[in-house]
Amino acid sequence: MIVKELGLVEYQPIWSAMQSYTTQRDQNSPDQLWLVEHPPVFTQGLNGKAEHILDPNTIPVVQTDRGGQVTYHGPGQLIAYTLFDLRRLNLGVRDMVTSLENSIIALLKQSNIDSYARKDAPGVYIDNKKIASLGLRVKRGCCYHGISLNVAMDLTPFSYINPCGYANMEVIDLAGLGVDLTMAQIKQRFVSALQTEIQNKGKHD
């Protein structure tokens, strides 16, 4: 897995680059993990319903090709884009979703925070409050898009939408939970947790 730290970048060029890599890759292309932050943007999933965008204010809305409903991305949120060959890893789509959720759960566990995933609504939750959102797209056995973890950000824009299609879904971040880790430390922990999770799942299956 090649890990690329791309910093704070606009959403559209990254989305285009993910599509290009996935379309052009072959069985020998390395899997890549892109770690980014985005300037404020709402992204709407492939089957996303317009009524879940209550009032975008001045924040742009981008219609994307991932699964799921609308979510918000902004500075202070870690986004991990997973450009993985699922067939080569011997993983199904559900396996990949679970691996991403378990990686965040393991990361939070290191800070003594108990969290969990929900079958009905992908992502990671703490006491019914959402801290990580997830959406994938799979083409020819390869996935892209990924998961976002709220680290230390302005959460206000989440109130402009029904996060992931759920009205009154409360959204939290690590800073609000008193976790005092840098973005660099969070990235390191996430990459380690994801690598462990993928290796274990591939072997197990």
N, C-alpha and C. Protein backbone atom coordinates (compact mmCIF):
# COMPACT_ATOMS: atom_id res chain seq x y z
N MET A 1 0.83 -1.20 0.00
CA MET A 1 0.00 0.00 0.00
C MET A 1 0.87 1.26 0.00
N ILE A 2 0.65 2.12 -0.96
CA ILE A 2 1.36 3.40 -1.00
C ILE A 2 0.50 4.44 -0.27
N VAL A 3 1.08 5.09 0.72
CA VAL A 3 0.36 6.12 1.47
C VAL A 3 0.79 7.49 0.97
N LYS A 4 -0.19 8.29 0.54
CA LYS A 4 0.10 9.64 0.06
C LYS A 4 -0.58 10.67 0.97
N GLU A 5 0.21 11.57 1.51
CA GLU A 5 -0.34 12.66 2.31
C GLU A 5 -0.43 13.89 1.42
N LEU A 6 -1.66 14.29 1.09
CA LEU A 6 -1.87 15.33 0.08
C LEU A 6 -2.24 16.68 0.67
N GLY A 7 -2.42 16.75 2.00
CA GLY A 7 -2.69 18.04 2.64
C GLY A 7 -4.10 18.54 2.38
N LEU A 8 -4.27 19.87 2.42
CA LEU A 8 -5.57 20.50 2.21
C LEU A 8 -5.75 20.78 0.72
N VAL A 9 -6.69 20.08 0.11
CA VAL A 9 -6.88 20.18 -1.35
C VAL A 9 -8.36 20.23 -1.69
N GLU A 10 -8.69 20.87 -2.80
CA GLU A 10 -10.07 20.94 -3.27
C GLU A 10 -10.61 19.54 -3.56
N TYR A 11 -11.92 19.39 -3.42
CA TYR A 11 -12.53 18.07 -3.58
C TYR A 11 -12.50 17.57 -5.04
N GLN A 12 -12.93 18.44 -5.97
CA GLN A 12 -13.13 17.99 -7.35
C GLN A 12 -11.89 17.38 -8.00
N PRO A 13 -10.72 18.01 -7.90
CA PRO A 13 -9.53 17.42 -8.54
C PRO A 13 -9.16 16.06 -7.94
N ILE A 14 -9.36 15.89 -6.63
CA ILE A 14 -9.06 14.61 -5.98
C ILE A 14 -10.02 13.54 -6.47
N TRP A 15 -11.29 13.90 -6.56
CA TRP A 15 -12.29 12.95 -7.06
C TRP A 15 -11.94 12.49 -8.48
N SER A 16 -11.59 13.46 -9.34
CA SER A 16 -11.20 13.13 -10.72
C SER A 16 -9.98 12.23 -10.76
N ALA A 17 -9.01 12.51 -9.90
CA ALA A 17 -7.78 11.72 -9.86
C ALA A 17 -8.06 10.28 -9.40
N MET A 18 -8.99 10.14 -8.44
CA MET A 18 -9.37 8.80 -7.98
C MET A 18 -10.02 8.01 -9.11
N GLN A 19 -10.91 8.66 -9.84
CA GLN A 19 -11.58 8.00 -10.96
C GLN A 19 -10.57 7.57 -12.01
N SER A 20 -9.64 8.47 -12.34
CA SER A 20 -8.63 8.18 -13.36
C SER A 20 -7.76 7.00 -12.96
N TYR A 21 -7.30 7.01 -11.71
CA TYR A 21 -6.43 5.92 -11.24
C TYR A 21 -7.16 4.58 -11.31
N THR A 22 -8.42 4.59 -10.87
CA THR A 22 -9.20 3.35 -10.84
C THR A 22 -9.47 2.84 -12.25
N THR A 23 -9.76 3.74 -13.18
CA THR A 23 -10.05 3.35 -14.56
C THR A 23 -8.81 2.80 -15.26
N GLN A 24 -7.66 3.39 -14.98
CA GLN A 24 -6.43 3.04 -15.71
C GLN A 24 -5.63 1.92 -15.06
N ARG A 25 -5.93 1.58 -13.81
CA ARG A 25 -5.10 0.60 -13.11
C ARG A 25 -5.29 -0.80 -13.69
N ASP A 26 -4.26 -1.64 -13.51
CA ASP A 26 -4.37 -3.04 -13.91
C ASP A 26 -4.04 -3.92 -12.70
N GLN A 27 -3.90 -5.23 -12.92
CA GLN A 27 -3.71 -6.14 -11.79
C GLN A 27 -2.39 -5.92 -11.05
N ASN A 28 -1.46 -5.17 -11.67
CA ASN A 28 -0.17 -4.91 -11.03
C ASN A 28 -0.09 -3.54 -10.36
N SER A 29 -1.12 -2.72 -10.54
CA SER A 29 -1.09 -1.37 -9.97
C SER A 29 -1.15 -1.44 -8.45
N PRO A 30 -0.28 -0.69 -7.77
CA PRO A 30 -0.28 -0.74 -6.30
C PRO A 30 -1.54 -0.12 -5.70
N ASP A 31 -1.98 -0.66 -4.57
CA ASP A 31 -3.06 -0.02 -3.82
C ASP A 31 -2.52 1.27 -3.21
N GLN A 32 -3.39 2.27 -3.13
CA GLN A 32 -2.97 3.56 -2.60
C GLN A 32 -3.97 4.05 -1.55
N LEU A 33 -3.44 4.70 -0.53
CA LEU A 33 -4.25 5.33 0.50
C LEU A 33 -3.92 6.82 0.48
N TRP A 34 -4.90 7.64 0.14
CA TRP A 34 -4.68 9.09 0.07
C TRP A 34 -5.26 9.74 1.32
N LEU A 35 -4.44 10.46 2.05
CA LEU A 35 -4.88 11.17 3.26
C LEU A 35 -4.97 12.65 2.95
N VAL A 36 -6.16 13.21 3.10
CA VAL A 36 -6.39 14.60 2.70
C VAL A 36 -7.29 15.31 3.70
N GLU A 37 -7.33 16.63 3.56
CA GLU A 37 -8.38 17.47 4.13
C GLU A 37 -8.95 18.30 2.98
N HIS A 38 -10.21 18.66 3.07
CA HIS A 38 -10.83 19.49 2.02
C HIS A 38 -11.29 20.82 2.59
N PRO A 39 -11.25 21.89 1.76
CA PRO A 39 -11.97 23.11 2.14
C PRO A 39 -13.47 22.77 2.23
N PRO A 40 -14.28 23.61 2.88
CA PRO A 40 -15.68 23.28 3.09
C PRO A 40 -16.42 22.87 1.81
N VAL A 41 -17.08 21.71 1.87
CA VAL A 41 -17.84 21.20 0.72
C VAL A 41 -18.83 20.15 1.22
N PHE A 42 -20.02 20.16 0.62
CA PHE A 42 -20.97 19.07 0.83
C PHE A 42 -20.85 18.13 -0.35
N THR A 43 -20.80 16.82 -0.08
CA THR A 43 -20.80 15.85 -1.18
C THR A 43 -22.04 14.99 -1.06
N GLN A 44 -22.72 14.85 -2.19
CA GLN A 44 -23.97 14.09 -2.24
C GLN A 44 -23.73 12.74 -2.90
N GLY A 45 -24.18 11.67 -2.27
CA GLY A 45 -23.99 10.33 -2.82
C GLY A 45 -24.82 10.09 -4.07
N LEU A 46 -24.53 9.00 -4.74
CA LEU A 46 -25.15 8.65 -6.02
C LEU A 46 -26.67 8.64 -5.94
N ASN A 47 -27.21 8.09 -4.87
CA ASN A 47 -28.66 8.03 -4.70
C ASN A 47 -29.14 9.03 -3.65
N GLY A 48 -28.31 10.05 -3.40
CA GLY A 48 -28.63 11.04 -2.38
C GLY A 48 -29.90 11.82 -2.71
N LYS A 49 -30.68 12.09 -1.68
CA LYS A 49 -31.94 12.82 -1.86
C LYS A 49 -31.74 14.29 -1.55
N ALA A 50 -32.25 15.13 -2.43
CA ALA A 50 -32.06 16.58 -2.31
C ALA A 50 -32.61 17.13 -1.01
N GLU A 51 -33.69 16.51 -0.48
CA GLU A 51 -34.31 17.05 0.74
C GLU A 51 -33.42 16.94 1.96
N HIS A 52 -32.34 16.15 1.86
CA HIS A 52 -31.43 16.03 3.00
C HIS A 52 -30.45 17.21 3.07
N ILE A 53 -30.43 18.04 2.02
CA ILE A 53 -29.64 19.28 2.06
C ILE A 53 -30.62 20.39 2.46
N LEU A 54 -30.59 20.75 3.73
CA LEU A 54 -31.58 21.69 4.27
C LEU A 54 -31.32 23.11 3.78
N ASP A 55 -30.06 23.55 3.90
CA ASP A 55 -29.67 24.89 3.47
C ASP A 55 -28.15 24.94 3.40
N PRO A 56 -27.59 24.84 2.18
CA PRO A 56 -26.12 24.78 2.08
C PRO A 56 -25.40 26.08 2.42
N ASN A 57 -26.19 27.18 2.61
CA ASN A 57 -25.57 28.49 2.84
C ASN A 57 -24.64 28.80 1.66
N THR A 58 -23.39 29.12 1.95
CA THR A 58 -22.46 29.45 0.85
C THR A 58 -21.54 28.29 0.49
N ILE A 59 -21.79 27.12 1.08
CA ILE A 59 -20.90 25.97 0.87
C ILE A 59 -21.31 25.22 -0.39
N PRO A 60 -20.36 24.95 -1.30
CA PRO A 60 -20.73 24.24 -2.54
C PRO A 60 -21.20 22.82 -2.28
N VAL A 61 -22.09 22.35 -3.16
CA VAL A 61 -22.59 20.97 -3.11
C VAL A 61 -22.11 20.25 -4.37
N VAL A 62 -21.46 19.11 -4.20
CA VAL A 62 -20.95 18.34 -5.34
C VAL A 62 -21.67 16.99 -5.41
N GLN A 63 -22.24 16.69 -6.56
CA GLN A 63 -22.85 15.38 -6.79
C GLN A 63 -21.73 14.40 -7.13
N THR A 64 -21.56 13.36 -6.33
CA THR A 64 -20.46 12.43 -6.55
C THR A 64 -20.98 11.05 -6.98
N ASP A 65 -20.06 10.12 -7.19
CA ASP A 65 -20.44 8.77 -7.61
C ASP A 65 -20.23 7.72 -6.52
N ARG A 66 -20.14 8.18 -5.26
CA ARG A 66 -20.01 7.20 -4.16
C ARG A 66 -21.39 6.79 -3.68
N GLY A 67 -21.41 5.77 -2.82
CA GLY A 67 -22.65 5.39 -2.18
C GLY A 67 -22.99 6.35 -1.04
N GLY A 68 -24.19 6.21 -0.50
CA GLY A 68 -24.58 7.01 0.65
C GLY A 68 -25.26 8.32 0.30
N GLN A 69 -25.62 9.04 1.35
CA GLN A 69 -26.32 10.32 1.21
C GLN A 69 -25.32 11.47 1.38
N VAL A 70 -25.83 12.63 1.73
CA VAL A 70 -25.00 13.83 1.81
C VAL A 70 -24.14 13.84 3.08
N THR A 71 -22.91 14.35 2.95
CA THR A 71 -22.08 14.59 4.12
C THR A 71 -21.30 15.89 3.92
N TYR A 72 -20.60 16.29 4.97
CA TYR A 72 -19.81 17.53 4.92
C TYR A 72 -18.35 17.21 5.11
N HIS A 73 -17.50 17.90 4.34
CA HIS A 73 -16.05 17.82 4.53
C HIS A 73 -15.53 19.24 4.80
N GLY A 74 -14.57 19.35 5.72
CA GLY A 74 -13.98 20.65 6.00
C GLY A 74 -12.64 20.49 6.69
N PRO A 75 -11.88 21.57 6.81
CA PRO A 75 -10.58 21.52 7.48
C PRO A 75 -10.72 20.96 8.90
N GLY A 76 -9.73 20.17 9.30
CA GLY A 76 -9.78 19.56 10.63
C GLY A 76 -10.44 18.20 10.63
N GLN A 77 -10.76 17.73 9.43
CA GLN A 77 -11.34 16.38 9.27
C GLN A 77 -10.35 15.55 8.45
N LEU A 78 -10.01 14.38 8.95
CA LEU A 78 -9.13 13.48 8.22
C LEU A 78 -9.97 12.65 7.25
N ILE A 79 -9.62 12.72 5.96
CA ILE A 79 -10.30 11.91 4.96
C ILE A 79 -9.28 10.92 4.41
N ALA A 80 -9.68 9.65 4.40
CA ALA A 80 -8.82 8.59 3.88
C ALA A 80 -9.49 7.98 2.66
N TYR A 81 -8.89 8.20 1.50
CA TYR A 81 -9.41 7.62 0.27
C TYR A 81 -8.68 6.32 -0.03
N THR A 82 -9.45 5.26 -0.18
CA THR A 82 -8.89 3.91 -0.32
C THR A 82 -8.99 3.44 -1.76
N LEU A 83 -7.89 3.50 -2.48
CA LEU A 83 -7.84 3.03 -3.87
C LEU A 83 -7.26 1.61 -3.85
N PHE A 84 -8.14 0.67 -3.57
CA PHE A 84 -7.72 -0.72 -3.31
C PHE A 84 -8.31 -1.68 -4.34
N ASP A 85 -7.52 -2.68 -4.71
CA ASP A 85 -7.99 -3.77 -5.55
C ASP A 85 -8.58 -4.84 -4.62
N LEU A 86 -9.90 -4.85 -4.50
CA LEU A 86 -10.56 -5.74 -3.54
C LEU A 86 -10.40 -7.20 -3.92
N ARG A 87 -10.40 -7.49 -5.23
CA ARG A 87 -10.24 -8.89 -5.65
C ARG A 87 -8.88 -9.42 -5.23
N ARG A 88 -7.85 -8.60 -5.44
CA ARG A 88 -6.49 -9.02 -5.09
C ARG A 88 -6.34 -9.20 -3.57
N LEU A 89 -7.05 -8.37 -2.82
CA LEU A 89 -7.00 -8.45 -1.36
C LEU A 89 -7.92 -9.54 -0.81
N ASN A 90 -8.70 -10.13 -1.71
CA ASN A 90 -9.67 -11.16 -1.30
C ASN A 90 -10.70 -10.59 -0.33
N LEU A 91 -11.18 -9.38 -0.64
CA LEU A 91 -12.17 -8.71 0.20
C LEU A 91 -13.43 -8.41 -0.59
N GLY A 92 -14.59 -8.62 0.02
CA GLY A 92 -15.84 -8.16 -0.55
C GLY A 92 -16.06 -6.70 -0.16
N VAL A 93 -17.08 -6.08 -0.74
CA VAL A 93 -17.37 -4.68 -0.42
C VAL A 93 -17.72 -4.54 1.06
N ARG A 94 -18.51 -5.46 1.56
CA ARG A 94 -18.89 -5.41 2.98
C ARG A 94 -17.65 -5.55 3.86
N ASP A 95 -16.72 -6.42 3.45
CA ASP A 95 -15.46 -6.58 4.20
C ASP A 95 -14.71 -5.25 4.28
N MET A 96 -14.69 -4.54 3.15
CA MET A 96 -13.96 -3.27 3.08
C MET A 96 -14.60 -2.23 4.00
N VAL A 97 -15.91 -2.17 3.96
CA VAL A 97 -16.64 -1.24 4.84
C VAL A 97 -16.31 -1.55 6.30
N THR A 98 -16.39 -2.83 6.65
CA THR A 98 -16.12 -3.25 8.04
C THR A 98 -14.67 -2.95 8.43
N SER A 99 -13.74 -3.16 7.50
CA SER A 99 -12.32 -2.87 7.79
C SER A 99 -12.11 -1.39 8.10
N LEU A 100 -12.75 -0.53 7.33
CA LEU A 100 -12.62 0.92 7.57
C LEU A 100 -13.23 1.30 8.92
N GLU A 101 -14.42 0.77 9.19
CA GLU A 101 -15.06 1.07 10.48
C GLU A 101 -14.22 0.55 11.64
N ASN A 102 -13.73 -0.67 11.51
CA ASN A 102 -12.93 -1.26 12.60
C ASN A 102 -11.63 -0.51 12.83
N SER A 103 -11.07 0.06 11.78
CA SER A 103 -9.82 0.84 11.90
C SER A 103 -10.05 2.09 12.76
N ILE A 104 -11.18 2.76 12.53
CA ILE A 104 -11.52 3.94 13.34
C ILE A 104 -11.82 3.52 14.78
N ILE A 105 -12.55 2.42 14.94
CA ILE A 105 -12.88 1.92 16.28
C ILE A 105 -11.59 1.60 17.06
N ALA A 106 -10.62 0.98 16.37
CA ALA A 106 -9.34 0.66 17.01
C ALA A 106 -8.56 1.92 17.36
N LEU A 107 -8.58 2.89 16.46
CA LEU A 107 -7.90 4.17 16.70
C LEU A 107 -8.48 4.85 17.94
N LEU A 108 -9.80 4.88 18.04
CA LEU A 108 -10.45 5.52 19.18
C LEU A 108 -10.18 4.76 20.48
N LYS A 109 -10.09 3.44 20.37
CA LYS A 109 -9.82 2.60 21.54
C LYS A 109 -8.49 2.97 22.19
N GLN A 110 -7.53 3.40 21.36
CA GLN A 110 -6.22 3.80 21.89
C GLN A 110 -6.34 5.02 22.80
N SER A 111 -7.40 5.80 22.62
CA SER A 111 -7.66 6.95 23.50
C SER A 111 -8.74 6.62 24.53
N ASN A 112 -8.96 5.31 24.74
CA ASN A 112 -9.94 4.83 25.72
C ASN A 112 -11.36 5.31 25.42
N ILE A 113 -11.67 5.39 24.12
CA ILE A 113 -13.02 5.78 23.70
C ILE A 113 -13.70 4.57 23.08
N ASP A 114 -14.86 4.21 23.62
CA ASP A 114 -15.63 3.10 23.06
C ASP A 114 -16.52 3.62 21.94
N SER A 115 -16.44 2.98 20.79
CA SER A 115 -17.26 3.36 19.64
C SER A 115 -17.75 2.11 18.95
N TYR A 116 -18.64 2.28 18.00
CA TYR A 116 -19.25 1.11 17.35
C TYR A 116 -19.74 1.48 15.95
N ALA A 117 -19.95 0.45 15.15
CA ALA A 117 -20.54 0.61 13.82
C ALA A 117 -22.01 0.21 13.89
N ARG A 118 -22.78 0.66 12.87
CA ARG A 118 -24.20 0.30 12.79
C ARG A 118 -24.47 -0.34 11.44
N LYS A 119 -25.22 -1.43 11.46
CA LYS A 119 -25.56 -2.11 10.20
C LYS A 119 -26.42 -1.23 9.29
N ASP A 120 -27.32 -0.45 9.91
CA ASP A 120 -28.29 0.33 9.12
C ASP A 120 -27.71 1.63 8.58
N ALA A 121 -26.59 2.08 9.12
CA ALA A 121 -26.02 3.37 8.71
C ALA A 121 -24.51 3.31 8.84
N PRO A 122 -23.80 3.05 7.72
CA PRO A 122 -22.33 2.92 7.77
C PRO A 122 -21.67 4.12 8.44
N GLY A 123 -20.54 3.86 9.09
CA GLY A 123 -19.82 4.90 9.81
C GLY A 123 -19.49 4.43 11.21
N VAL A 124 -19.00 5.36 12.04
CA VAL A 124 -18.64 5.02 13.42
C VAL A 124 -19.33 6.01 14.36
N TYR A 125 -19.83 5.47 15.47
CA TYR A 125 -20.66 6.23 16.39
C TYR A 125 -20.17 6.09 17.83
N ILE A 126 -20.44 7.14 18.61
CA ILE A 126 -20.17 7.13 20.05
C ILE A 126 -21.45 7.65 20.72
N ASP A 127 -22.11 6.80 21.48
CA ASP A 127 -23.36 7.20 22.15
C ASP A 127 -24.36 7.83 21.18
N ASN A 128 -24.59 7.16 20.05
CA ASN A 128 -25.54 7.61 19.02
C ASN A 128 -25.13 8.91 18.32
N LYS A 129 -23.90 9.34 18.51
CA LYS A 129 -23.40 10.52 17.82
C LYS A 129 -22.35 10.07 16.80
N LYS A 130 -22.39 10.67 15.63
CA LYS A 130 -21.52 10.20 14.55
C LYS A 130 -20.18 10.92 14.55
N ILE A 131 -19.09 10.15 14.46
CA ILE A 131 -17.75 10.75 14.42
C ILE A 131 -17.03 10.44 13.12
N ALA A 132 -17.49 9.42 12.39
CA ALA A 132 -16.85 9.05 11.11
C ALA A 132 -17.92 8.65 10.10
N SER A 133 -17.76 9.14 8.86
CA SER A 133 -18.70 8.84 7.77
C SER A 133 -17.98 8.06 6.67
N LEU A 134 -18.76 7.26 5.95
CA LEU A 134 -18.15 6.33 5.01
C LEU A 134 -18.98 6.22 3.73
N GLY A 135 -18.29 6.15 2.61
CA GLY A 135 -18.96 5.91 1.33
C GLY A 135 -17.95 5.41 0.32
N LEU A 136 -18.30 4.36 -0.43
CA LEU A 136 -17.38 3.76 -1.39
C LEU A 136 -18.02 3.67 -2.77
N ARG A 137 -17.17 3.50 -3.77
CA ARG A 137 -17.61 3.14 -5.13
C ARG A 137 -16.69 2.02 -5.59
N VAL A 138 -17.24 1.01 -6.22
CA VAL A 138 -16.44 -0.10 -6.72
C VAL A 138 -16.61 -0.22 -8.22
N LYS A 139 -15.49 -0.28 -8.94
CA LYS A 139 -15.49 -0.49 -10.39
C LYS A 139 -14.49 -1.59 -10.72
N ARG A 140 -14.94 -2.57 -11.46
CA ARG A 140 -14.06 -3.68 -11.90
C ARG A 140 -13.27 -4.28 -10.72
N GLY A 141 -13.94 -4.42 -9.60
CA GLY A 141 -13.31 -5.05 -8.44
C GLY A 141 -12.39 -4.16 -7.64
N CYS A 142 -12.31 -2.87 -8.01
CA CYS A 142 -11.45 -1.91 -7.29
C CYS A 142 -12.33 -0.81 -6.68
N CYS A 143 -11.97 -0.40 -5.47
CA CYS A 143 -12.77 0.63 -4.81
C CYS A 143 -12.03 1.95 -4.73
N TYR A 144 -12.83 3.00 -4.59
CA TYR A 144 -12.28 4.32 -4.28
C TYR A 144 -13.30 5.08 -3.44
N HIS A 145 -13.06 6.36 -3.13
CA HIS A 145 -13.71 7.09 -2.04
C HIS A 145 -13.22 6.46 -0.72
N GLY A 146 -13.93 6.60 0.39
CA GLY A 146 -13.37 6.08 1.63
C GLY A 146 -14.11 6.53 2.87
N ILE A 147 -13.34 6.98 3.87
CA ILE A 147 -13.93 7.31 5.18
C ILE A 147 -13.38 8.64 5.68
N SER A 148 -14.21 9.37 6.42
CA SER A 148 -13.76 10.64 7.01
C SER A 148 -13.95 10.60 8.52
N LEU A 149 -12.97 11.12 9.23
CA LEU A 149 -12.98 11.16 10.70
C LEU A 149 -12.90 12.61 11.15
N ASN A 150 -13.85 13.01 11.98
CA ASN A 150 -13.87 14.38 12.49
C ASN A 150 -12.85 14.52 13.62
N VAL A 151 -11.80 15.28 13.37
CA VAL A 151 -10.72 15.42 14.35
C VAL A 151 -10.91 16.68 15.19
N ALA A 152 -10.75 17.84 14.58
CA ALA A 152 -10.94 19.12 15.29
C ALA A 152 -11.42 20.13 14.27
N MET A 153 -12.73 20.28 14.15
CA MET A 153 -13.28 21.07 13.05
C MET A 153 -14.50 21.87 13.49
N ASP A 154 -14.91 22.79 12.64
CA ASP A 154 -16.16 23.51 12.85
C ASP A 154 -17.29 22.58 12.41
N LEU A 155 -18.09 22.13 13.36
CA LEU A 155 -19.15 21.16 13.07
C LEU A 155 -20.46 21.82 12.63
N THR A 156 -20.50 23.15 12.66
CA THR A 156 -21.74 23.87 12.34
C THR A 156 -22.37 23.44 11.01
N PRO A 157 -21.59 23.30 9.92
CA PRO A 157 -22.22 22.95 8.63
C PRO A 157 -23.00 21.63 8.63
N PHE A 158 -22.70 20.74 9.57
CA PHE A 158 -23.48 19.50 9.64
C PHE A 158 -24.95 19.80 9.96
N SER A 159 -25.20 20.95 10.60
CA SER A 159 -26.59 21.32 10.92
C SER A 159 -27.34 21.83 9.69
N TYR A 160 -26.62 22.06 8.59
CA TYR A 160 -27.26 22.52 7.36
C TYR A 160 -27.80 21.35 6.53
N ILE A 161 -27.52 20.12 6.99
CA ILE A 161 -27.93 18.92 6.26
C ILE A 161 -28.51 17.90 7.25
N ASN A 162 -29.12 16.86 6.70
CA ASN A 162 -29.39 15.65 7.48
C ASN A 162 -28.20 14.73 7.24
N PRO A 163 -27.24 14.69 8.16
CA PRO A 163 -26.00 13.95 7.90
C PRO A 163 -26.26 12.50 7.49
N CYS A 164 -25.77 12.14 6.32
CA CYS A 164 -25.93 10.78 5.79
C CYS A 164 -27.41 10.38 5.70
N GLY A 165 -28.28 11.39 5.58
CA GLY A 165 -29.70 11.12 5.39
C GLY A 165 -30.50 10.95 6.67
N TYR A 166 -29.90 11.27 7.82
CA TYR A 166 -30.58 11.09 9.10
C TYR A 166 -30.86 12.45 9.75
N ALA A 167 -32.15 12.78 9.88
CA ALA A 167 -32.53 14.04 10.51
C ALA A 167 -32.12 14.02 11.98
N ASN A 168 -31.64 15.16 12.44
CA ASN A 168 -31.26 15.34 13.86
C ASN A 168 -30.12 14.43 14.31
N MET A 169 -29.33 13.92 13.36
CA MET A 169 -28.15 13.13 13.72
C MET A 169 -27.09 14.07 14.30
N GLU A 170 -26.70 13.84 15.53
CA GLU A 170 -25.68 14.68 16.15
C GLU A 170 -24.30 14.21 15.69
N VAL A 171 -23.45 15.17 15.36
CA VAL A 171 -22.10 14.88 14.86
C VAL A 171 -21.09 15.47 15.84
N ILE A 172 -20.04 14.70 16.14
CA ILE A 172 -19.04 15.13 17.11
C ILE A 172 -17.64 14.99 16.50
N ASP A 173 -16.65 15.55 17.20
CA ASP A 173 -15.26 15.37 16.77
C ASP A 173 -14.38 15.00 17.96
N LEU A 174 -13.15 14.62 17.66
CA LEU A 174 -12.22 14.17 18.71
C LEU A 174 -11.90 15.28 19.70
N ALA A 175 -11.75 16.50 19.20
CA ALA A 175 -11.43 17.63 20.08
C ALA A 175 -12.52 17.80 21.13
N GLY A 176 -13.78 17.64 20.71
CA GLY A 176 -14.90 17.78 21.64
C GLY A 176 -14.94 16.70 22.69
N LEU A 177 -14.25 15.59 22.41
CA LEU A 177 -14.17 14.48 23.37
C LEU A 177 -12.93 14.60 24.26
N GLY A 178 -12.17 15.69 24.06
CA GLY A 178 -10.98 15.91 24.88
C GLY A 178 -9.75 15.17 24.41
N VAL A 179 -9.77 14.67 23.18
CA VAL A 179 -8.61 13.95 22.65
C VAL A 179 -7.63 14.98 22.08
N ASP A 180 -6.46 15.04 22.67
CA ASP A 180 -5.47 16.06 22.29
C ASP A 180 -4.35 15.43 21.47
N LEU A 181 -4.68 15.05 20.25
CA LEU A 181 -3.69 14.47 19.34
C LEU A 181 -3.59 15.34 18.09
N THR A 182 -2.40 15.41 17.52
CA THR A 182 -2.24 16.18 16.28
C THR A 182 -2.81 15.37 15.12
N MET A 183 -3.05 16.06 14.01
CA MET A 183 -3.53 15.38 12.80
C MET A 183 -2.50 14.34 12.35
N ALA A 184 -1.23 14.66 12.50
CA ALA A 184 -0.16 13.72 12.11
C ALA A 184 -0.24 12.44 12.93
N GLN A 185 -0.49 12.58 14.22
CA GLN A 185 -0.61 11.40 15.09
C GLN A 185 -1.83 10.56 14.73
N ILE A 186 -2.92 11.24 14.43
CA ILE A 186 -4.16 10.54 14.04
C ILE A 186 -3.92 9.76 12.74
N LYS A 187 -3.26 10.40 11.79
CA LYS A 187 -2.96 9.72 10.51
C LYS A 187 -2.15 8.46 10.74
N GLN A 188 -1.12 8.60 11.55
CA GLN A 188 -0.23 7.47 11.83
C GLN A 188 -1.00 6.30 12.45
N ARG A 189 -1.85 6.61 13.40
CA ARG A 189 -2.64 5.57 14.07
C ARG A 189 -3.64 4.93 13.11
N PHE A 190 -4.22 5.75 12.24
CA PHE A 190 -5.20 5.22 11.30
C PHE A 190 -4.54 4.28 10.29
N VAL A 191 -3.43 4.71 9.72
CA VAL A 191 -2.73 3.89 8.72
C VAL A 191 -2.34 2.54 9.33
N SER A 192 -1.80 2.58 10.53
CA SER A 192 -1.40 1.35 11.22
C SER A 192 -2.59 0.44 11.45
N ALA A 193 -3.70 1.02 11.92
CA ALA A 193 -4.90 0.23 12.21
C ALA A 193 -5.48 -0.37 10.93
N LEU A 194 -5.49 0.40 9.84
CA LEU A 194 -6.05 -0.09 8.59
C LEU A 194 -5.20 -1.21 8.00
N GLN A 195 -3.89 -1.04 8.04
CA GLN A 195 -3.00 -2.08 7.52
C GLN A 195 -3.21 -3.40 8.27
N THR A 196 -3.31 -3.31 9.58
CA THR A 196 -3.54 -4.51 10.41
C THR A 196 -4.88 -5.15 10.05
N GLU A 197 -5.88 -4.32 9.92
CA GLU A 197 -7.24 -4.80 9.64
C GLU A 197 -7.32 -5.50 8.27
N ILE A 198 -6.72 -4.89 7.26
CA ILE A 198 -6.75 -5.46 5.90
C ILE A 198 -5.99 -6.79 5.86
N GLN A 199 -4.82 -6.80 6.48
CA GLN A 199 -4.01 -8.03 6.50
C GLN A 199 -4.77 -9.16 7.19
N ASN A 200 -5.37 -8.87 8.33
CA ASN A 200 -6.10 -9.89 9.08
C ASN A 200 -7.33 -10.40 8.33
N LYS A 201 -8.04 -9.48 7.70
CA LYS A 201 -9.25 -9.87 6.97
C LYS A 201 -8.90 -10.72 5.75
N GLY A 202 -7.86 -10.28 5.01
CA GLY A 202 -7.45 -11.03 3.82
C GLY A 202 -7.04 -12.45 4.17
N LYS A 203 -6.28 -12.59 5.27
CA LYS A 203 -5.84 -13.94 5.71
C LYS A 203 -7.03 -14.77 6.17
N HIS A 204 -7.87 -14.12 6.95
CA HIS A 204 -9.01 -14.83 7.56
C HIS A 204 -9.95 -15.39 6.49
N ASP A 205 -10.18 -14.59 5.43
CA ASP A 205 -11.13 -15.00 4.41
C ASP A 205 -10.50 -15.91 3.37
